[in-house]
Amino acid sequence: MQFDLVRAVPDDAEVVVEGVAAGAAPNDPTVQAAGFDGKEGDSLLLPGRLLVGLGSADGADSVRRAAAIAARRLSRCTHIATTLAPSQALAEGFALGSYQFDKYRSKPKAGALARVSVVGGGGARASAALERGRRVAEAVAVARDLVNEPGGVLTPPVFADAIRKIAGAAKLKIKVLDDAGIRKAGYNGLLAVNRGSENEARFVELTYEPAGTAKATVALVGKGITFDSGGLSIKTADGMATMKDDMGGAAAIVGALSAAGDLDVKVRVRAFIPITDNMLGGDAQRVGDVISYKNGTTVEVLNTDAEGRLILADGLIAASKENPAAIVDLATLTGAQVVALGNKVAGVMGNHDGWVDQVCAAGEAAGEPVWPLPLFRAYRKDLDSTIADMKNVGGRAAGTIVAALFLKEFVPEGQPWAHLDIAGPAWSDSDDAEISAGGTGFGVRTLLELLRTYKRP
């Protein structure tokens, strides 16, 4: 999508989008008759004009939402203009609101919005903000496209090949371990989950090197379960319906790093992405099996549907060996996160308050709500096993926190680490402003903001 700054509405612009604050609707009989008064989420299409409500809030979130609503309402237009002030949020809203995944439709939906002219002019700073927003939205689309691919198409080898192509375009260093490489490296959690699959696992390492001297090295770890049947602890049919999204954490990392160079991220980033599906083949991981991890920890598997933490453990071990300044892992990890926070807010836990605070601040600034949950030590006993160092599940209570406590066991003492559980916001059943139905790409904007504003915790 192209954004340009103009002094007046271009002659070929099909519609002009105007933002209206709550209670500030034009004194026009048509507007009044329609009941439009600028509430956030409302819009009114008039000849040559689209009024979009900004609500009472004055900030990036309301602008992003308004622009996305306008993009959806004007999806048949190719060129529109807007009197909304130029900003990163504006560009994000128009671009994200225009997103469609039509690869498998015999008749794709109409939609060709290609140009947005921002009326009122502006200098280099305004142009740069629009370009940042456009590029961030493009990175989110990378993640959405990956998540929206069917699990039978995006198998682990195919996912790894897709990451290789994205890495090449973004000038990222990449290393892909196949089955033999994974065995040699000793990533036994990944191998255990992969036992029931016809498709080999993959373990992908990505490296982003900034121009000049890096401020620090930050490690990212992403859950890459390309489809989750639950394994022998099989899910219900309804529970399996959206499980192609179980690699949403990995997709968010890939999307974010695809834009890191263009957005001039100053930190070095090392990403570790274990990839497999979780299936029910003849040699599938059994309930009661014990995994011996590379760091010496042993885990009794009492629920094969709690597989994400088993592969993230390998990723955290690998990340910790880099001795980074900080680690973040992203995962569609627990249904309990959805129960606690719904499908619009991610949960964050960690072992370093300053680092968790940075993650929360980045999410707020990026328009992706993140809420801290307590990493309550007393719940660690719920993971005690009678035959191993720990088991992979506790009881029904505090499932999100207990899962994070499991992951904490694979992070060395003193290593700043934060865990983002994005099980709810990684998927949406319907369009909602800048959020698209299907994979949402949640986490891309937060990661880019976190890396851009990084401060040593």
Protein backbone atom coordinates (compact mmCIF):
# COMPACT_ATOMS: atom_id res chain seq x y z
CA MET A 1 0.00 0.00 0.00
CA GLN A 2 1.27 3.47 -0.91
CA PHE A 3 0.93 6.48 1.42
CA ASP A 4 1.59 10.02 0.24
CA LEU A 5 1.32 13.47 1.79
CA VAL A 6 -0.69 16.00 -0.21
CA ARG A 7 -1.88 19.58 0.27
CA ALA A 8 -5.34 19.00 -1.21
CA VAL A 9 -7.60 16.08 -2.01
CA PRO A 10 -6.43 14.55 -5.32
CA ASP A 11 -8.97 14.61 -8.13
CA ASP A 12 -8.84 10.84 -8.53
CA ALA A 13 -9.46 10.04 -4.85
CA GLU A 14 -12.75 8.16 -4.70
CA VAL A 15 -13.65 8.94 -1.07
CA VAL A 16 -12.34 11.24 1.65
CA VAL A 17 -12.10 9.71 5.14
CA GLU A 18 -12.72 12.17 7.98
CA GLY A 19 -12.21 11.46 11.67
CA VAL A 20 -14.87 12.69 14.09
CA ALA A 21 -14.42 12.85 17.85
CA ALA A 22 -17.26 11.80 20.13
CA GLY A 23 -19.89 14.52 20.29
CA ALA A 24 -18.34 16.52 17.47
CA ALA A 25 -20.34 15.24 14.52
CA PRO A 26 -21.06 17.81 11.76
CA ASN A 27 -24.25 19.83 12.21
CA ASP A 28 -25.80 18.20 9.18
CA PRO A 29 -29.39 16.87 9.02
CA THR A 30 -28.25 13.73 7.18
CA VAL A 31 -25.62 12.97 9.81
CA GLN A 32 -28.03 13.66 12.64
CA ALA A 33 -30.73 11.51 11.07
CA ALA A 34 -28.27 8.62 10.85
CA GLY A 35 -27.51 8.92 14.55
CA PHE A 36 -23.78 9.27 13.96
CA ASP A 37 -22.06 11.11 16.80
CA GLY A 38 -18.41 10.06 16.58
CA LYS A 39 -18.47 7.05 18.88
CA GLU A 40 -15.43 4.80 18.46
CA GLY A 41 -16.21 2.04 15.98
CA ASP A 42 -19.01 3.93 14.22
CA SER A 43 -18.87 5.08 10.63
CA LEU A 44 -21.16 6.83 8.18
CA LEU A 45 -20.77 6.75 4.41
CA LEU A 46 -21.94 9.88 2.58
CA PRO A 47 -21.48 10.84 -1.08
CA GLY A 48 -17.73 11.18 -1.50
CA ARG A 49 -17.10 11.12 2.28
CA LEU A 50 -16.73 8.54 5.03
CA LEU A 51 -17.03 9.73 8.61
CA VAL A 52 -15.32 7.49 11.16
CA GLY A 53 -15.72 7.81 14.91
CA LEU A 54 -12.65 8.43 17.05
CA GLY A 55 -14.49 8.22 20.34
CA SER A 56 -13.44 10.24 23.37
CA ALA A 57 -9.89 8.81 23.49
CA ASP A 58 -7.17 10.87 21.86
CA GLY A 59 -4.42 8.49 20.87
CA ALA A 60 -2.89 6.04 18.45
CA ASP A 61 -5.29 3.20 19.22
CA SER A 62 -8.38 5.17 18.20
CA VAL A 63 -6.69 6.40 15.01
CA ARG A 64 -5.51 2.90 14.10
CA ARG A 65 -8.97 1.50 14.69
CA ALA A 66 -10.72 4.25 12.73
CA ALA A 67 -8.39 3.84 9.77
CA ALA A 68 -8.91 0.08 9.74
CA ILE A 69 -12.69 0.46 9.84
CA ALA A 70 -12.46 2.89 6.92
CA ALA A 71 -10.31 0.43 4.96
CA ARG A 72 -12.87 -2.33 5.43
CA ARG A 73 -15.80 -0.12 4.44
CA LEU A 74 -13.97 1.14 1.37
CA SER A 75 -12.49 -2.18 0.30
CA ARG A 76 -13.68 -1.73 -3.29
CA CYS A 77 -11.82 1.56 -3.70
CA THR A 78 -8.31 1.75 -5.08
CA HIS A 79 -7.41 5.31 -4.02
CA ILE A 80 -8.80 7.23 -1.08
CA ALA A 81 -7.81 10.39 0.77
CA THR A 82 -8.02 11.20 4.48
CA THR A 83 -7.87 14.31 6.62
CA LEU A 84 -6.67 12.29 9.62
CA ALA A 85 -3.22 13.45 10.73
CA PRO A 86 -0.29 11.43 9.37
CA SER A 87 1.05 8.90 11.88
CA GLN A 88 2.39 5.38 12.18
CA ALA A 89 -0.94 4.24 13.64
CA LEU A 90 -2.82 5.69 10.66
CA ALA A 91 -0.76 3.69 8.18
CA GLU A 92 -1.01 0.54 10.30
CA GLY A 93 -4.78 0.88 10.45
CA PHE A 94 -5.35 1.29 6.73
CA ALA A 95 -2.91 -1.48 5.81
CA LEU A 96 -4.06 -3.98 8.44
CA GLY A 97 -7.73 -3.25 7.78
CA SER A 98 -7.14 -4.07 4.11
CA TYR A 99 -5.58 -7.47 4.82
CA GLN A 100 -7.20 -10.51 3.22
CA PHE A 101 -6.12 -14.14 2.94
CA ASP A 102 -7.77 -15.27 -0.29
CA LYS A 103 -5.27 -17.88 -1.43
CA TYR A 104 -7.78 -20.72 -1.28
CA ARG A 105 -10.91 -18.90 -2.49
CA SER A 106 -12.15 -19.78 -5.97
CA LYS A 107 -13.47 -16.22 -6.17
CA PRO A 108 -11.34 -13.84 -4.07
CA LYS A 109 -13.14 -11.03 -2.32
CA ALA A 110 -13.03 -7.67 -4.03
CA GLY A 111 -10.40 -5.48 -2.50
CA ALA A 112 -7.74 -3.40 -4.13
CA LEU A 113 -7.04 -0.40 -1.89
CA ALA A 114 -3.58 0.55 -3.06
CA ARG A 115 -3.10 4.24 -2.26
CA VAL A 116 -3.97 6.53 0.63
CA SER A 117 -3.38 10.28 0.25
CA VAL A 118 -3.01 12.06 3.59
CA VAL A 119 -4.27 15.61 3.20
CA GLY A 120 -2.60 18.49 4.98
CA GLY A 121 0.99 17.93 4.10
CA GLY A 122 3.85 17.29 6.46
CA GLY A 123 7.59 16.98 6.45
CA ALA A 124 10.11 14.20 6.64
CA ARG A 125 8.98 13.16 10.10
CA ALA A 126 5.41 12.58 8.93
CA SER A 127 6.59 10.64 5.89
CA ALA A 128 8.83 8.48 8.08
CA ALA A 129 5.95 7.72 10.46
CA LEU A 130 3.73 6.60 7.58
CA GLU A 131 6.52 4.41 6.20
CA ARG A 132 7.08 2.82 9.61
CA GLY A 133 3.40 2.03 9.89
CA ARG A 134 3.31 0.56 6.41
CA ARG A 135 6.34 -1.61 7.13
CA VAL A 136 5.04 -2.80 10.50
CA ALA A 137 1.73 -3.79 8.89
CA GLU A 138 3.62 -5.66 6.19
CA ALA A 139 5.45 -7.61 8.91
CA VAL A 140 2.14 -8.45 10.60
CA ALA A 141 0.84 -9.72 7.26
CA VAL A 142 3.83 -12.07 7.02
CA ALA A 143 2.80 -13.65 10.33
CA ARG A 144 -0.88 -13.75 9.38
CA ASP A 145 -0.15 -15.49 6.09
CA LEU A 146 1.88 -18.16 7.87
CA VAL A 147 -0.76 -18.80 10.53
CA ASN A 148 -3.59 -18.92 8.00
CA GLU A 149 -1.97 -21.70 5.96
CA PRO A 150 -3.63 -25.08 6.63
CA GLY A 151 -1.66 -27.40 8.88
CA GLY A 152 -1.62 -30.05 6.17
CA VAL A 153 0.10 -27.58 3.86
CA LEU A 154 2.43 -25.81 6.28
CA THR A 155 4.17 -28.93 7.58
CA PRO A 156 7.38 -28.46 9.58
CA PRO A 157 9.70 -28.80 6.55
CA VAL A 158 7.49 -26.42 4.52
CA PHE A 159 7.41 -23.92 7.39
CA ALA A 160 11.19 -24.03 7.66
CA ASP A 161 11.52 -23.47 3.89
CA ALA A 162 9.12 -20.50 4.12
CA ILE A 163 11.24 -19.00 6.91
CA ARG A 164 14.33 -19.51 4.77
CA LYS A 165 12.80 -17.44 1.96
CA ILE A 166 11.71 -14.68 4.33
CA ALA A 167 15.16 -14.65 5.95
CA GLY A 168 16.81 -14.33 2.55
CA ALA A 169 14.69 -11.33 1.62
CA ALA A 170 15.35 -9.69 5.01
CA LYS A 171 19.08 -10.49 4.99
CA LEU A 172 18.86 -12.59 8.14
CA LYS A 173 21.28 -15.39 8.87
CA ILE A 174 19.52 -18.75 9.10
CA LYS A 175 20.40 -22.25 10.23
CA VAL A 176 17.91 -25.10 9.83
CA LEU A 177 18.40 -28.40 11.64
CA ASP A 178 16.73 -31.47 10.15
CA ASP A 179 15.98 -34.67 12.08
CA ALA A 180 19.62 -35.76 12.16
CA GLY A 181 20.76 -32.32 13.26
CA ILE A 182 18.11 -32.15 15.98
CA ARG A 183 19.21 -35.53 17.33
CA LYS A 184 22.85 -34.48 17.29
CA ALA A 185 21.97 -31.26 19.11
CA GLY A 186 20.03 -33.19 21.76
CA TYR A 187 16.71 -31.38 21.44
CA ASN A 188 14.82 -34.26 22.99
CA GLY A 189 11.60 -32.42 23.81
CA LEU A 190 11.13 -31.63 20.13
CA LEU A 191 11.92 -35.23 19.15
CA ALA A 192 9.44 -36.58 21.70
CA VAL A 193 6.55 -34.46 20.44
CA ASN A 194 7.44 -35.30 16.84
CA ARG A 195 7.27 -39.09 17.36
CA GLY A 196 3.65 -39.34 16.24
CA SER A 197 4.15 -37.42 13.00
CA GLU A 198 4.80 -38.45 9.42
CA ASN A 199 6.68 -35.16 8.97
CA GLU A 200 10.18 -34.57 10.28
CA ALA A 201 10.70 -31.82 12.82
CA ARG A 202 12.83 -28.78 12.17
CA PHE A 203 14.75 -26.44 14.47
CA VAL A 204 15.37 -22.99 12.99
CA GLU A 205 17.85 -20.41 14.21
CA LEU A 206 17.66 -16.84 12.91
CA THR A 207 20.14 -14.03 13.49
CA TYR A 208 19.57 -10.35 12.90
CA GLU A 209 22.69 -8.18 12.94
CA PRO A 210 22.10 -4.41 13.17
CA ALA A 211 24.15 -1.91 11.26
CA GLY A 212 26.99 -0.67 13.42
CA THR A 213 27.64 -1.82 16.98
CA ALA A 214 24.75 -3.69 18.60
CA LYS A 215 23.38 -2.28 21.84
CA ALA A 216 22.91 -5.82 23.17
CA THR A 217 21.78 -9.30 22.16
CA VAL A 218 18.16 -10.25 22.75
CA ALA A 219 17.01 -13.85 22.28
CA LEU A 220 13.55 -14.82 21.05
CA VAL A 221 12.00 -18.28 21.31
CA GLY A 222 8.82 -19.18 19.43
CA LYS A 223 6.50 -22.15 19.67
CA GLY A 224 6.16 -23.70 16.21
CA ILE A 225 3.48 -26.39 16.44
CA THR A 226 2.15 -26.41 12.87
CA PHE A 227 -0.94 -28.40 13.89
CA ASP A 228 -1.95 -29.62 17.32
CA SER A 229 -4.25 -32.63 17.52
CA GLY A 230 -3.37 -33.04 21.18
CA GLY A 231 -1.50 -36.25 20.48
CA LEU A 232 -2.75 -39.29 22.42
CA SER A 233 -4.39 -36.85 24.86
CA ILE A 234 -6.52 -35.94 21.88
CA LYS A 235 -8.46 -32.70 21.64
CA THR A 236 -12.17 -32.49 20.93
CA ALA A 237 -13.25 -31.71 17.36
CA ASP A 238 -14.09 -28.13 18.37
CA GLY A 239 -10.80 -27.81 20.23
CA MET A 240 -8.89 -28.81 17.10
CA ALA A 241 -10.72 -26.44 14.75
CA THR A 242 -8.22 -23.58 14.94
CA MET A 243 -5.09 -25.53 15.83
CA LYS A 244 -3.22 -24.50 12.71
CA ASP A 245 -2.59 -21.34 14.74
CA ASP A 246 -0.41 -23.17 17.26
CA MET A 247 2.68 -21.80 15.56
CA GLY A 248 1.52 -18.23 16.12
CA GLY A 249 4.46 -17.46 18.41
CA ALA A 250 6.98 -18.63 15.82
CA ALA A 251 5.14 -16.72 13.08
CA ALA A 252 5.22 -13.52 15.15
CA ILE A 253 9.00 -13.77 15.53
CA VAL A 254 9.49 -14.40 11.81
CA GLY A 255 7.21 -11.48 10.94
CA ALA A 256 8.98 -9.12 13.35
CA LEU A 257 12.47 -10.03 12.16
CA SER A 258 11.42 -9.63 8.54
CA ALA A 259 11.14 -5.89 9.25
CA ALA A 260 13.88 -5.40 11.85
CA GLY A 261 16.43 -4.10 9.35
CA ASP A 262 14.03 -1.72 7.63
CA LEU A 263 13.01 -0.30 11.00
CA ASP A 264 16.63 0.11 12.08
CA VAL A 265 16.47 -2.07 15.19
CA LYS A 266 19.72 -1.46 17.11
CA VAL A 267 19.97 -4.73 19.06
CA ARG A 268 21.29 -8.05 17.79
CA VAL A 269 18.58 -10.69 17.81
CA ARG A 270 18.98 -14.45 18.03
CA ALA A 271 15.77 -16.41 17.45
CA PHE A 272 15.20 -20.10 18.16
CA ILE A 273 12.17 -21.80 16.65
CA PRO A 274 11.42 -25.49 17.30
CA ILE A 275 8.92 -26.78 14.72
CA THR A 276 6.77 -29.92 14.64
CA ASP A 277 3.16 -30.98 14.53
CA ASN A 278 1.58 -32.97 17.38
CA MET A 279 -0.05 -36.06 15.92
CA LEU A 280 -1.18 -39.60 16.85
CA GLY A 281 1.02 -41.91 14.76
CA GLY A 282 1.86 -45.43 15.80
CA ASP A 283 4.94 -44.44 17.77
CA ALA A 284 3.44 -41.29 19.25
CA GLN A 285 4.67 -40.06 22.60
CA ARG A 286 2.86 -41.95 25.36
CA VAL A 287 1.40 -40.62 28.58
CA GLY A 288 3.94 -41.51 31.23
CA ASP A 289 7.00 -41.19 29.01
CA VAL A 290 10.01 -39.36 30.46
CA ILE A 291 12.09 -36.85 28.48
CA SER A 292 15.71 -36.17 29.40
CA TYR A 293 16.69 -32.64 28.38
CA LYS A 294 20.06 -31.34 27.28
CA ASN A 295 20.49 -29.40 30.53
CA GLY A 296 19.95 -32.56 32.60
CA THR A 297 16.32 -31.90 33.58
CA THR A 298 13.93 -34.86 33.31
CA VAL A 299 10.21 -34.44 32.61
CA GLU A 300 7.38 -36.95 32.98
CA VAL A 301 4.75 -36.37 30.29
CA LEU A 302 1.28 -36.79 31.79
CA ASN A 303 -0.59 -34.93 29.05
CA THR A 304 0.60 -35.00 25.45
CA ASP A 305 -1.60 -31.97 24.72
CA ALA A 306 0.73 -29.88 26.88
CA GLU A 307 3.36 -30.24 24.18
CA GLY A 308 4.23 -26.60 23.53
CA ARG A 309 6.20 -26.28 26.74
CA LEU A 310 8.11 -29.46 25.85
CA ILE A 311 9.55 -27.93 22.67
CA LEU A 312 9.95 -24.43 24.12
CA ALA A 313 12.21 -25.98 26.76
CA ASP A 314 14.66 -26.92 24.00
CA GLY A 315 14.45 -23.41 22.59
CA LEU A 316 15.10 -21.82 25.98
CA ILE A 317 18.09 -24.07 26.58
CA ALA A 318 19.52 -23.03 23.21
CA ALA A 319 18.78 -19.34 23.82
CA SER A 320 20.35 -19.37 27.28
CA LYS A 321 23.62 -20.74 25.90
CA GLU A 322 23.97 -17.47 23.96
CA ASN A 323 24.09 -15.58 27.27
CA PRO A 324 21.83 -12.83 25.88
CA ALA A 325 20.96 -9.66 27.74
CA ALA A 326 17.32 -10.82 27.84
CA ILE A 327 15.00 -13.54 26.50
CA VAL A 328 11.38 -13.43 25.37
CA ASP A 329 9.39 -16.49 24.37
CA LEU A 330 6.04 -16.33 22.59
CA ALA A 331 3.56 -19.17 22.52
CA THR A 332 -0.06 -20.04 22.05
CA LEU A 333 0.44 -22.06 25.20
CA THR A 334 -2.62 -22.48 27.41
CA GLY A 335 -6.37 -22.45 27.20
CA ALA A 336 -6.25 -21.05 30.72
CA GLN A 337 -4.86 -17.81 29.29
CA VAL A 338 -8.03 -17.39 27.23
CA VAL A 339 -10.18 -18.06 30.31
CA ALA A 340 -8.23 -15.51 32.34
CA LEU A 341 -7.78 -12.72 29.79
CA GLY A 342 -9.99 -13.47 26.80
CA ASN A 343 -8.99 -13.21 23.15
CA LYS A 344 -7.75 -9.61 23.08
CA VAL A 345 -5.13 -9.55 25.84
CA ALA A 346 -1.94 -11.61 26.16
CA GLY A 347 -0.55 -12.73 29.49
CA VAL A 348 3.07 -12.08 30.43
CA MET A 349 5.13 -13.63 33.22
CA GLY A 350 8.83 -13.59 33.91
CA ASN A 351 11.68 -13.69 36.39
CA HIS A 352 12.70 -10.03 36.12
CA ASP A 353 10.22 -7.25 36.89
CA GLY A 354 12.09 -4.65 34.84
CA TRP A 355 12.07 -6.83 31.73
CA VAL A 356 8.40 -7.76 32.16
CA ASP A 357 7.64 -4.04 32.51
CA GLN A 358 9.42 -3.36 29.20
CA VAL A 359 7.34 -6.03 27.47
CA CYS A 360 4.12 -4.57 28.89
CA ALA A 361 5.11 -1.04 27.86
CA ALA A 362 5.97 -2.21 24.35
CA GLY A 363 2.60 -3.94 24.00
CA GLU A 364 0.74 -0.85 25.18
CA ALA A 365 2.66 1.43 22.80
CA ALA A 366 2.10 -0.96 19.89
CA GLY A 367 -1.63 -1.36 20.49
CA GLU A 368 -1.37 -5.02 21.57
CA PRO A 369 -2.58 -5.29 25.18
CA VAL A 370 -0.36 -7.37 27.47
CA TRP A 371 -1.22 -8.02 31.12
CA PRO A 372 1.22 -9.30 33.78
CA LEU A 373 0.35 -12.39 35.80
CA PRO A 374 2.22 -13.43 38.95
CA LEU A 375 4.85 -16.14 38.66
CA PHE A 376 3.77 -17.46 42.06
CA ARG A 377 6.45 -19.82 43.37
CA ALA A 378 4.11 -21.82 45.59
CA TYR A 379 2.48 -23.31 42.47
CA ARG A 380 5.79 -24.93 41.46
CA LYS A 381 4.96 -27.94 43.64
CA ASP A 382 2.05 -28.69 41.27
CA LEU A 383 4.71 -29.85 38.78
CA ASP A 384 6.36 -32.32 41.17
CA SER A 385 6.66 -35.82 39.69
CA THR A 386 7.05 -39.11 41.53
CA ILE A 387 9.59 -40.46 39.02
CA ALA A 388 11.24 -37.44 37.34
CA ASP A 389 12.38 -33.91 38.16
CA MET A 390 8.95 -32.63 37.21
CA LYS A 391 5.87 -33.41 35.16
CA ASN A 392 4.58 -31.33 32.28
CA VAL A 393 1.20 -30.41 33.79
CA GLY A 394 -0.24 -29.44 37.13
CA GLY A 395 -3.93 -29.37 38.00
CA ARG A 396 -6.67 -27.28 36.45
CA ALA A 397 -5.98 -24.27 38.65
CA ALA A 398 -3.62 -21.48 37.52
CA GLY A 399 -2.75 -23.34 34.31
CA THR A 400 -1.10 -20.35 32.63
CA ILE A 401 1.12 -19.61 35.62
CA VAL A 402 2.05 -23.27 36.15
CA ALA A 403 3.05 -23.54 32.46
CA ALA A 404 5.29 -20.49 32.87
CA LEU A 405 6.84 -22.02 36.00
CA PHE A 406 7.65 -25.09 33.91
CA LEU A 407 9.45 -22.92 31.35
CA LYS A 408 11.30 -21.05 34.09
CA GLU A 409 13.10 -24.29 34.96
CA PHE A 410 14.96 -24.03 31.64
CA VAL A 411 16.19 -20.46 32.18
CA PRO A 412 19.40 -20.03 34.21
CA GLU A 413 19.22 -18.09 37.44
CA GLY A 414 19.91 -14.39 36.82
CA GLN A 415 18.96 -14.51 33.12
CA PRO A 416 16.20 -11.91 32.44
CA TRP A 417 13.32 -13.74 30.78
CA ALA A 418 9.69 -13.02 29.92
CA HIS A 419 7.07 -15.44 28.65
CA LEU A 420 4.18 -14.18 26.48
CA ASP A 421 1.16 -16.49 26.34
CA ILE A 422 -0.77 -15.37 23.25
CA ALA A 423 -3.24 -18.27 23.04
CA GLY A 424 -6.24 -15.92 22.95
CA PRO A 425 -5.20 -12.94 20.81
CA ALA A 426 -3.30 -15.00 18.19
CA TRP A 427 -6.63 -15.97 16.59
CA SER A 428 -9.89 -14.15 15.90
CA ASP A 429 -13.17 -15.63 14.70
CA SER A 430 -14.19 -12.37 13.05
CA ASP A 431 -12.87 -9.09 11.68
CA ASP A 432 -12.60 -6.30 14.23
CA ALA A 433 -11.01 -3.08 12.96
CA GLU A 434 -7.30 -3.83 12.45
CA ILE A 435 -7.75 -7.42 13.68
CA SER A 436 -8.53 -9.88 10.89
CA ALA A 437 -10.50 -13.09 11.08
CA GLY A 438 -8.09 -16.02 11.38
CA GLY A 439 -4.49 -15.47 12.34
CA THR A 440 -4.05 -11.98 13.77
CA GLY A 441 -0.26 -11.70 13.77
CA PHE A 442 -0.42 -10.71 17.43
CA GLY A 443 3.03 -10.14 18.88
CA VAL A 444 4.71 -8.72 15.80
CA ARG A 445 4.04 -5.10 16.74
CA THR A 446 4.97 -5.72 20.38
CA LEU A 447 8.26 -7.38 19.47
CA LEU A 448 9.25 -4.63 17.04
CA GLU A 449 8.48 -1.96 19.63
CA LEU A 450 10.33 -3.90 22.33
CA LEU A 451 13.42 -4.34 20.18
CA ARG A 452 13.29 -0.73 18.97
CA THR A 453 13.08 0.73 22.48
CA TYR A 454 15.21 -1.89 24.26
CA LYS A 455 16.94 -0.89 27.49
CA ARG A 456 19.17 -3.23 29.45
CA PRO A 457 16.99 -4.66 32.26
